[in-house]
C-alpha atoms as a PDB file:
ATOM      1  CA  MET A   1     134.429  99.797 -67.116  1.00  0.00           C
ATOM      2  CA  VAL A   2     134.994 102.902 -65.150  1.00  0.00           C
ATOM      3  CA  PHE A   3     131.967 105.837 -65.462  1.00  0.00           C
ATOM      4  CA  TYR A   4     133.535 109.399 -65.489  1.00  0.00           C
ATOM      5  CA  PHE A   5     131.961 112.532 -64.513  1.00  0.00           C
ATOM      6  CA  LYS A   6     132.602 116.000 -64.690  1.00  0.00           C
ATOM      7  CA  SER A   7     131.877 118.007 -61.912  1.00  0.00           C
ATOM      8  CA  ALA A   8     131.550 121.634 -63.366  1.00  0.00           C
ATOM      9  CA  VAL A   9     129.809 123.724 -60.807  1.00  0.00           C
ATOM     10  CA  ILE A  10     133.207 125.493 -59.749  1.00  0.00           C
ATOM     11  CA  SER A  11     136.334 125.991 -62.485  1.00  0.00           C
ATOM     12  CA  PRO A  12     138.491 124.005 -62.971  1.00  0.00           C
ATOM     13  CA  ALA A  13     136.249 120.988 -63.221  1.00  0.00           C
ATOM     14  CA  TYR A  14     136.363 117.889 -60.569  1.00  0.00           C
ATOM     15  CA  THR A  15     136.697 114.676 -61.950  1.00  0.00           C
ATOM     16  CA  ILE A  16     134.299 111.558 -60.020  1.00  0.00           C
ATOM     17  CA  TYR A  17     134.287 108.535 -61.326  1.00  0.00           C
ATOM     18  CA  MET A  18     133.193 104.880 -60.270  1.00  0.00           C
ATOM     19  CA  GLY A  19     133.410 101.124 -61.433  1.00  0.00           C
ATOM     20  CA  LYS A  20     130.457  99.321 -62.929  1.00  0.00           C
ATOM     21  CA  ASP A  21     130.487  96.793 -60.007  1.00  0.00           C
ATOM     22  CA  LYS A  22     131.913  95.369 -57.286  1.00  0.00           C
ATOM     23  CA  TYR A  23     134.733  93.837 -59.169  1.00  0.00           C
ATOM     24  CA  GLU A  24     135.687  97.251 -60.624  1.00  0.00           C
ATOM     25  CA  ASN A  25     135.670  98.410 -57.478  1.00  0.00           C
ATOM     26  CA  GLU A  26     138.147  96.352 -56.091  1.00  0.00           C
ATOM     27  CA  ASP A  27     140.727  97.439 -59.084  1.00  0.00           C
ATOM     28  CA  LEU A  28     139.710 101.420 -57.691  1.00  0.00           C
ATOM     29  CA  ILE A  29     140.357 100.461 -54.271  1.00  0.00           C
ATOM     30  CA  LYS A  30     143.875  98.550 -55.062  1.00  0.00           C
ATOM     31  CA  TYR A  31     144.894 101.374 -57.795  1.00  0.00           C
ATOM     32  CA  GLY A  32     143.365 104.782 -56.006  1.00  0.00           C
ATOM     33  CA  TRP A  33     145.673 107.631 -55.929  1.00  0.00           C
ATOM     34  CA  PRO A  34     146.423 109.568 -52.627  1.00  0.00           C
ATOM     35  CA  GLU A  35     144.853 112.702 -53.861  1.00  0.00           C
ATOM     36  CA  ASP A  36     141.449 110.444 -53.740  1.00  0.00           C
ATOM     37  CA  ILE A  37     138.447 110.899 -51.976  1.00  0.00           C
ATOM     38  CA  TRP A  38     136.091 107.623 -51.520  1.00  0.00           C
ATOM     39  CA  PHE A  39     132.240 108.372 -51.275  1.00  0.00           C
ATOM     40  CA  HIS A  40     129.509 105.828 -50.110  1.00  0.00           C
ATOM     41  CA  VAL A  41     126.012 105.582 -48.706  1.00  0.00           C
ATOM     42  CA  ASP A  42     126.193 104.878 -45.142  1.00  0.00           C
ATOM     43  CA  LYS A  43     125.317 101.456 -44.191  1.00  0.00           C
ATOM     44  CA  LEU A  44     123.309 100.723 -46.947  1.00  0.00           C
ATOM     45  CA  SER A  45     124.581  99.379 -50.809  1.00  0.00           C
ATOM     46  CA  SER A  46     125.885 101.366 -53.403  1.00  0.00           C
ATOM     47  CA  ALA A  47     128.544 102.603 -55.783  1.00  0.00           C
ATOM     48  CA  HIS A  48     131.708 103.436 -54.547  1.00  0.00           C
ATOM     49  CA  VAL A  49     132.578 107.151 -56.076  1.00  0.00           C
ATOM     50  CA  TYR A  50     135.467 108.806 -56.500  1.00  0.00           C
ATOM     51  CA  LEU A  51     136.502 112.518 -56.517  1.00  0.00           C
ATOM     52  CA  ARG A  52     139.641 112.990 -57.476  1.00  0.00           C
ATOM     53  CA  LEU A  53     141.519 116.300 -55.728  1.00  0.00           C
ATOM     54  CA  PRO A  54     144.215 118.286 -57.290  1.00  0.00           C
ATOM     55  CA  LYS A  55     147.865 116.966 -55.994  1.00  0.00           C
ATOM     56  CA  GLY A  56     148.287 119.150 -52.556  1.00  0.00           C
ATOM     57  CA  SER A  57     144.794 118.820 -51.712  1.00  0.00           C
ATOM     58  CA  THR A  58     143.016 117.393 -48.781  1.00  0.00           C
ATOM     59  CA  ILE A  59     139.635 116.407 -47.735  1.00  0.00           C
ATOM     60  CA  ASP A  60     138.968 119.624 -46.018  1.00  0.00           C
ATOM     61  CA  ASP A  61     139.715 121.065 -49.405  1.00  0.00           C
ATOM     62  CA  ILE A  62     136.854 120.281 -51.069  1.00  0.00           C
ATOM     63  CA  PRO A  63     134.484 122.770 -52.577  1.00  0.00           C
ATOM     64  CA  LYS A  64     131.043 122.889 -50.798  1.00  0.00           C
ATOM     65  CA  GLU A  65     129.250 122.631 -54.363  1.00  0.00           C
ATOM     66  CA  VAL A  66     131.265 119.319 -55.382  1.00  0.00           C
ATOM     67  CA  LEU A  67     130.787 117.758 -52.441  1.00  0.00           C
ATOM     68  CA  ILE A  68     126.816 117.720 -52.778  1.00  0.00           C
ATOM     69  CA  ASP A  69     127.643 116.896 -56.829  1.00  0.00           C
ATOM     70  CA  CYS A  70     129.061 113.714 -55.110  1.00  0.00           C
ATOM     71  CA  ALA A  71     127.087 112.996 -52.714  1.00  0.00           C
ATOM     72  CA  GLN A  72     123.885 113.757 -55.129  1.00  0.00           C
ATOM     73  CA  LEU A  73     126.260 110.946 -57.291  1.00  0.00           C
ATOM     74  CA  VAL A  74     126.205 108.293 -54.507  1.00  0.00           C
ATOM     75  CA  LYS A  75     122.628 108.489 -53.338  1.00  0.00           C
ATOM     76  CA  ASN A  76     121.354 108.281 -57.213  1.00  0.00           C
ATOM     77  CA  ASN A  77     123.655 104.934 -57.136  1.00  0.00           C
ATOM     78  CA  SER A  78     122.329 103.236 -54.807  1.00  0.00           C
ATOM     79  CA  ILE A  79     119.371 100.764 -55.162  1.00  0.00           C
ATOM     80  CA  GLN A  80     117.499 101.609 -51.818  1.00  0.00           C
ATOM     81  CA  GLY A  81     119.239 105.155 -50.989  1.00  0.00           C
ATOM     82  CA  CYS A  82     118.132 106.662 -54.494  1.00  0.00           C
ATOM     83  CA  LYS A  83     114.254 106.044 -53.196  1.00  0.00           C
ATOM     84  CA  MET A  84     115.073 107.346 -49.288  1.00  0.00           C
ATOM     85  CA  ASN A  85     115.173 110.583 -48.198  1.00  0.00           C
ATOM     86  CA  ASN A  86     117.194 112.003 -45.249  1.00  0.00           C
ATOM     87  CA  ILE A  87     120.280 109.588 -45.597  1.00  0.00           C
ATOM     88  CA  ASN A  88     123.693 109.548 -44.898  1.00  0.00           C
ATOM     89  CA  ILE A  89     126.957 109.588 -47.171  1.00  0.00           C
ATOM     90  CA  VAL A  90     130.354 108.596 -45.819  1.00  0.00           C
ATOM     91  CA  TYR A  91     133.573 109.929 -47.301  1.00  0.00           C
ATOM     92  CA  THR A  92     137.394 109.721 -46.761  1.00  0.00           C
ATOM     93  CA  PRO A  93     140.687 109.565 -48.080  1.00  0.00           C
ATOM     94  CA  TRP A  94     141.570 106.493 -50.193  1.00  0.00           C
ATOM     95  CA  GLY A  95     144.568 106.184 -48.492  1.00  0.00           C
ATOM     96  CA  ASN A  96     142.127 105.281 -45.264  1.00  0.00           C
ATOM     97  CA  LEU A  97     140.332 102.474 -46.881  1.00  0.00           C
ATOM     98  CA  LYS A  98     141.463  98.785 -45.932  1.00  0.00           C
ATOM     99  CA  LYS A  99     140.920  95.688 -47.157  1.00  0.00           C
ATOM    100  CA  THR A 100     141.692  92.426 -45.890  1.00  0.00           C
ATOM    101  CA  ALA A 101     141.592  89.039 -47.124  1.00  0.00           C
ATOM    102  CA  ASP A 102     138.735  87.731 -45.333  1.00  0.00           C
ATOM    103  CA  MET A 103     136.781  90.707 -46.700  1.00  0.00           C
ATOM    104  CA  ASP A 104     133.983  90.196 -49.767  1.00  0.00           C
ATOM    105  CA  VAL A 105     134.419  91.615 -52.891  1.00  0.00           C
ATOM    106  CA  GLY A 106     134.151  95.187 -53.048  1.00  0.00           C
ATOM    107  CA  GLN A 107     133.955  95.397 -49.219  1.00  0.00           C
ATOM    108  CA  ILE A 108     135.542  97.805 -47.321  1.00  0.00           C
ATOM    109  CA  GLY A 109     137.243  99.085 -43.729  1.00  0.00           C
ATOM    110  CA  PHE A 110     138.759 101.966 -42.489  1.00  0.00           C
ATOM    111  CA  HIS A 111     142.345 102.143 -40.826  1.00  0.00           C
ATOM    112  CA  ARG A 112     141.067 105.014 -38.506  1.00  0.00           C
ATOM    113  CA  GLN A 113     137.560 105.955 -38.275  1.00  0.00           C
ATOM    114  CA  LYS A 114     138.240 109.400 -36.780  1.00  0.00           C
ATOM    115  CA  GLU A 115     139.260 110.084 -40.701  1.00  0.00           C
ATOM    116  CA  VAL A 116     135.583 109.431 -41.840  1.00  0.00           C
ATOM    117  CA  LYS A 117     133.254 112.195 -42.685  1.00  0.00           C
ATOM    118  CA  ILE A 118     129.892 112.158 -43.105  1.00  0.00           C
ATOM    119  CA  VAL A 119     127.774 114.566 -45.008  1.00  0.00           C
ATOM    120  CA  ALA A 120     123.720 114.668 -45.034  1.00  0.00           C
ATOM    121  CA  VAL A 121     121.286 114.493 -48.354  1.00  0.00           C
ATOM    122  CA  GLU A 122     118.149 115.357 -47.778  1.00  0.00           C
ATOM    123  CA  LYS A 123     116.585 114.194 -51.126  1.00  0.00           C
ATOM    124  CA  LYS A 124     117.198 113.619 -54.785  1.00  0.00           C
ATOM    125  CA  ILE A 125     118.231 116.613 -56.765  1.00  0.00           C
ATOM    126  CA  ASN A 126     117.302 115.800 -59.818  1.00  0.00           C
ATOM    127  CA  GLU A 127     119.139 118.850 -61.449  1.00  0.00           C
ATOM    128  CA  ILE A 128     122.110 117.841 -60.215  1.00  0.00           C
ATOM    129  CA  VAL A 129     122.447 114.046 -61.234  1.00  0.00           C
ATOM    130  CA  ASN A 130     121.140 114.940 -64.241  1.00  0.00           C
ATOM    131  CA  ARG A 131     123.762 117.445 -64.948  1.00  0.00           C
ATOM    132  CA  LEU A 132     126.358 114.847 -64.042  1.00  0.00           C
ATOM    133  CA  GLU A 133     124.520 112.366 -65.868  1.00  0.00           C
ATOM    134  CA  LYS A 134     125.094 114.501 -69.127  1.00  0.00           C
ATOM    135  CA  THR A 135     129.185 114.339 -68.394  1.00  0.00           C
ATOM    136  CA  LYS A 136     129.043 110.745 -68.090  1.00  0.00           C
ATOM    137  CA  GLU A 137     131.829 108.996 -69.760  1.00  0.00           C
ATOM    138  CA  GLU A 138     132.437 104.604 -70.184  1.00  0.00           C
ATOM    139  CA  ARG A 139     136.442 103.852 -70.293  1.00  0.00           C
ATOM    140  CA  TYR A 140     138.267 100.807 -69.711  1.00  0.00           C
ATOM    141  CA  PRO A 141     141.576 102.235 -68.287  1.00  0.00           C
ATOM    142  CA  ASP A 142     144.682 100.252 -67.331  1.00  0.00           C
ATOM    143  CA  LEU A 143     144.314 101.042 -63.668  1.00  0.00           C
ATOM    144  CA  ALA A 144     147.712  99.927 -62.771  1.00  0.00           C
ATOM    145  CA  ALA A 145     149.330 101.329 -65.484  1.00  0.00           C
ATOM    146  CA  GLU A 146     148.009 104.542 -64.857  1.00  0.00           C
ATOM    147  CA  LYS A 147     148.787 104.400 -60.987  1.00  0.00           C
ATOM    148  CA  GLU A 148     152.295 103.085 -61.586  1.00  0.00           C
ATOM    149  CA  SER A 149     152.578 106.296 -64.264  1.00  0.00           C
ATOM    150  CA  ARG A 150     151.713 108.714 -61.270  1.00  0.00           C
ATOM    151  CA  ASP A 151     153.597 107.083 -58.693  1.00  0.00           C
ATOM    152  CA  ARG A 152     156.389 107.410 -61.076  1.00  0.00           C
ATOM    153  CA  GLU A 153     155.729 111.235 -61.845  1.00  0.00           C
ATOM    154  CA  GLU A 154     155.660 111.608 -57.831  1.00  0.00           C
ATOM    155  CA  ARG A 155     159.305 109.919 -57.402  1.00  0.00           C
ATOM    156  CA  ASN A 156     160.990 111.923 -60.467  1.00  0.00           C
ATOM    157  CA  GLU A 157     159.486 115.187 -58.264  1.00  0.00           C
ATOM    158  CA  LYS A 158     160.833 113.877 -55.161  1.00  0.00           C
ATOM    159  CA  LYS A 159     163.980 112.930 -56.592  1.00  0.00           C
ATOM    160  CA  ALA A 160     164.342 116.448 -58.412  1.00  0.00           C
ATOM    161  CA  LEU A 161     163.264 118.180 -55.163  1.00  0.00           C
ATOM    162  CA  VAL A 162     166.195 116.544 -53.148  1.00  0.00           C
ATOM    163  CA  GLN A 163     168.455 117.537 -56.049  1.00  0.00           C
ATOM    164  CA  GLU A 164     167.287 120.914 -55.500  1.00  0.00           C
ATOM    165  CA  GLN A 165     167.904 120.602 -51.928  1.00  0.00           C
ATOM    166  CA  LYS A 166     171.546 119.572 -52.006  1.00  0.00           C
ATOM    167  CA  LYS A 167     172.493 122.175 -54.681  1.00  0.00           C
ATOM    168  CA  LYS A 168     170.845 124.914 -52.258  1.00  0.00           C
ATOM    169  CA  GLU A 169     172.895 123.197 -49.378  1.00  0.00           C
ATOM    170  CA  LYS A 170     176.286 122.898 -51.149  1.00  0.00           C
ATOM    171  CA  GLU A 171     175.869 126.610 -52.515  1.00  0.00           C
ATOM    172  CA  ASP A 172     175.125 127.909 -48.434  1.00  0.00           C
ATOM    173  CA  LEU A 173     178.154 125.963 -47.534  1.00  0.00           C
ATOM    174  CA  LYS A 174     179.934 128.196 -50.183  1.00  0.00           C
ATOM    175  CA  LYS A 175     179.027 131.066 -49.534  1.00  0.00           C
ATOM    176  CA  ARG A 176     179.696 130.474 -45.784  1.00  0.00           C
ATOM    177  CA  ARG A 177     183.460 129.254 -46.504  1.00  0.00           C
ATOM    178  CA  GLU A 178     183.853 132.542 -48.736  1.00  0.00           C
ATOM    179  CA  MET A 179     182.431 134.534 -45.442  1.00  0.00           C
ATOM    180  CA  GLU A 180     184.564 133.028 -43.364  1.00  0.00           C
ATOM    181  CA  ASP A 181     187.633 133.367 -45.448  1.00  0.00           C
ATOM    182  CA  LEU A 182     186.920 137.026 -45.617  1.00  0.00           C
ATOM    183  CA  ARG A 183     186.604 137.506 -41.987  1.00  0.00           C
ATOM    184  CA  ASN A 184     189.874 135.833 -41.842  1.00  0.00           C
ATOM    185  CA  TYR A 185     191.698 137.822 -44.163  1.00  0.00           C
ATOM    186  CA  THR A 186     190.305 141.361 -42.870  1.00  0.00           C
ATOM    187  CA  ALA A 187     191.164 140.182 -39.215  1.00  0.00           C
ATOM    188  CA  LEU A 188     194.724 139.264 -40.521  1.00  0.00           C
ATOM    189  CA  MET A 189     195.126 142.570 -42.708  1.00  0.00           C
ATOM    190  CA  LYS A 190     194.424 144.515 -39.211  1.00  0.00           C
ATOM    191  CA  SER A 191     196.712 142.370 -37.471  1.00  0.00           C
ATOM    192  CA  ASP A 192     199.487 143.112 -40.015  1.00  0.00           C
ATOM    193  CA  ASN A 193     198.661 147.355 -39.396  1.00  0.00           C
ATOM    194  CA  MET A 194     198.997 147.142 -35.750  1.00  0.00           C
ATOM    195  CA  THR A 195     201.834 148.827 -33.835  1.00  0.00           C
ATOM    196  CA  THR A 196     203.605 148.182 -30.607  1.00  0.00           C
ATOM    197  CA  ASN A 197     205.575 151.108 -28.360  1.00  0.00           C
ATOM    198  CA  GLU A 198     208.345 148.983 -29.732  1.00  0.00           C
ATOM    199  CA  ASP A 199     208.162 149.776 -33.378  1.00  0.00           C
ATOM    200  CA  GLY A 200     210.712 151.731 -34.319  1.00  0.00           C
ATOM    201  CA  TYR A 201     212.301 152.312 -31.054  1.00  0.00           C
ATOM    202  CA  ASP A 202     216.178 153.084 -31.730  1.00  0.00           C
ATOM    203  CA  SER A 203     218.463 152.863 -28.104  1.00  0.00           C
ATOM    204  CA  ASP A 204     221.018 155.064 -30.045  1.00  0.00           C
ATOM    205  CA  ASP A 205     218.251 158.315 -29.315  1.00  0.00           C
ATOM    206  CA  PHE A 206     219.211 158.642 -25.672  1.00  0.00           C
ATOM    207  CA  MET A 207     222.682 158.134 -25.904  1.00  0.00           C
END
């Protein structure tokens, strides 16, 4: 089971989701999208929360209000963290999550520590948590199928882009050849119109 939330503090709304337990977290780690940002309470046990960004966006594009929503949701879903003040939430792009065979279920590391960011949470804000909880939906998605559909769409987009680029290059080449032919024709016409001192000379004129 995966829980979905809507962060509607700005429009359009952002989708936030998390697994019910560590086993769902394993699937989310495996079938995450490049647009996903992972959140977790720093140095404490908590839910693995994901924010799905619009395609083409990066971690630096997360609106401040949405970042606060994610941080509050993570804090609220940490057995220890929900009772504490002044905690840190770490977050990083899904592609930076590192999973090796020797790790426990639900455990992850990072490929590049420098890509891990931190947001401080002073205390729980009930207004934010309650607003998010009202949007909560329970689903049983086929994460593998959704990931394949997303990847297939991206492959098709890249293929179309390559085809469009090739078409443009072909058209540009055709235009260059036409311009070159035009220059050669113009030069030829000028050459035909040129005359020399010998043009029209008749030796009998001076006899």
